[in-house]
Protein backbone atom coordinates (compact mmCIF):
# COMPACT_ATOMS: atom_id res chain seq x y z
CA UNK A 1 8.06 -48.15 21.02
CA UNK A 2 7.15 -46.79 17.58
CA UNK A 3 5.49 -50.06 16.62
CA UNK A 4 3.33 -49.86 19.74
CA UNK A 5 2.22 -46.35 18.86
CA UNK A 6 1.59 -47.36 15.26
CA UNK A 7 -0.46 -50.40 16.21
CA UNK A 8 -2.34 -48.29 18.75
CA UNK A 9 -3.20 -45.79 16.03
CA UNK A 10 -4.33 -48.53 13.69
CA UNK A 11 -6.53 -49.91 16.40
CA UNK A 12 -7.99 -46.48 17.09
CA UNK A 13 -8.63 -45.86 13.40
CA UNK A 14 -10.38 -49.18 13.12
CA UNK A 15 -12.48 -48.28 16.17
CA UNK A 16 -13.77 -45.10 14.51
CA UNK A 17 -17.30 -45.42 13.28
CA UNK A 18 -18.35 -44.53 9.79
CA UNK A 19 -20.23 -41.55 11.22
CA UNK A 20 -17.14 -40.34 13.07
CA UNK A 21 -15.01 -40.67 9.94
CA UNK A 22 -17.62 -38.77 7.93
CA UNK A 23 -17.78 -36.06 10.61
CA UNK A 24 -13.99 -35.73 10.46
CA UNK A 25 -14.13 -35.45 6.66
CA UNK A 26 -16.85 -32.77 6.88
CA UNK A 27 -14.86 -30.75 9.41
CA UNK A 28 -11.70 -31.12 7.35
CA UNK A 29 -13.52 -29.96 4.22
CA UNK A 30 -15.04 -26.99 6.06
CA UNK A 31 -11.64 -26.02 7.44
CA UNK A 32 -10.04 -26.31 4.01
CA UNK A 33 -12.78 -24.06 2.59
CA UNK A 34 -12.16 -21.55 5.37
CA UNK A 35 -8.42 -21.59 4.69
CA UNK A 36 -9.02 -21.03 0.96
CA UNK A 37 -11.41 -18.17 1.74
CA UNK A 38 -8.89 -16.57 4.09
CA UNK A 39 -6.14 -16.98 1.50
CA UNK A 40 -8.34 -15.27 -1.10
CA UNK A 41 -9.07 -12.42 1.31
CA UNK A 42 -5.39 -12.08 2.13
CA UNK A 43 -4.49 -12.01 -1.57
CA UNK A 44 -7.12 -9.34 -2.24
CA UNK A 45 -5.92 -7.30 0.74
CA UNK A 46 -2.33 -7.52 -0.50
CA UNK A 47 -3.39 -6.45 -4.00
CA UNK A 48 -5.33 -3.52 -2.53
CA UNK A 49 -2.34 -2.56 -0.40
CA UNK A 50 -0.06 -2.66 -3.45
CA UNK A 51 -2.54 -0.51 -5.38
CA UNK A 52 -2.73 2.02 -2.53
CA UNK A 53 1.07 2.11 -2.33
CA UNK A 54 1.31 2.77 -6.08
CA UNK A 55 -1.31 5.52 -5.82
CA UNK A 56 0.52 7.12 -2.90
CA UNK A 57 3.80 7.07 -4.83
CA UNK A 58 2.07 8.63 -7.86
CA UNK A 59 0.57 11.38 -5.69
CA UNK A 60 3.94 12.02 -4.04
CA UNK A 61 5.60 12.33 -7.47
CA UNK A 62 2.89 14.73 -8.61
CA UNK A 63 3.30 16.76 -5.42
CA UNK A 64 7.07 17.01 -5.93
CA UNK A 65 6.53 18.21 -9.52
CA UNK A 66 4.02 20.83 -8.38
CA UNK A 67 6.27 22.00 -5.55
CA UNK A 68 9.14 22.37 -8.01
CA UNK A 69 6.95 24.28 -10.47
CA UNK A 70 5.67 26.50 -7.65
CA UNK A 71 9.21 27.26 -6.46
CA UNK A 72 10.26 28.13 -10.03
CA UNK A 73 7.23 30.39 -10.40
CA UNK A 74 7.97 32.01 -7.06
CA UNK A 75 11.61 32.59 -8.10
CA UNK A 76 10.53 34.13 -11.40
CA UNK A 77 7.96 36.32 -9.66
CA UNK A 78 10.52 37.47 -7.10
CA UNK A 79 13.01 38.14 -9.87
CA UNK A 80 10.43 40.11 -11.86
CA UNK A 81 9.49 42.11 -8.77
CA UNK A 82 13.15 42.86 -8.09
CA UNK A 83 13.57 44.06 -11.65
CA UNK A 84 10.41 46.18 -11.33
CA UNK A 85 11.71 47.74 -8.10
CA UNK A 86 15.05 48.49 -9.82
CA UNK A 87 13.20 50.05 -12.74
CA UNK A 88 11.20 52.23 -10.33
CA UNK A 89 14.39 53.30 -8.54
CA UNK A 90 16.10 54.13 -11.82
CA UNK A 91 13.02 55.95 -13.06
CA UNK A 92 12.68 57.87 -9.79
CA UNK A 93 16.35 58.75 -9.84
CA UNK A 94 16.17 59.98 -13.42
CA UNK A 95 13.03 62.02 -12.70
CA UNK A 96 14.66 63.48 -9.62
CA UNK A 97 17.59 64.69 -11.73
CA UNK A 98 15.40 66.34 -14.31
């Protein structure tokens, strides 16, 4: 069975004209070029995606740092305001006694 298929293929290949073989080569070359082009595009898209991911991670880190600094500033401000309110109460109480 395999020998029949093989001999059939050989007969078909021999039946191909030079023009047909050249046309097949041209199409194969064009398809290979298209595949290479698509691979290059895919590689560039992956690199761009990796760069965007890195940028996003950097921005997220910066945001976390700023949120932490803001919370610390807010805590200090609230603490300072609490101390100022206490000072006012103490001052008012001491003026009220005078």
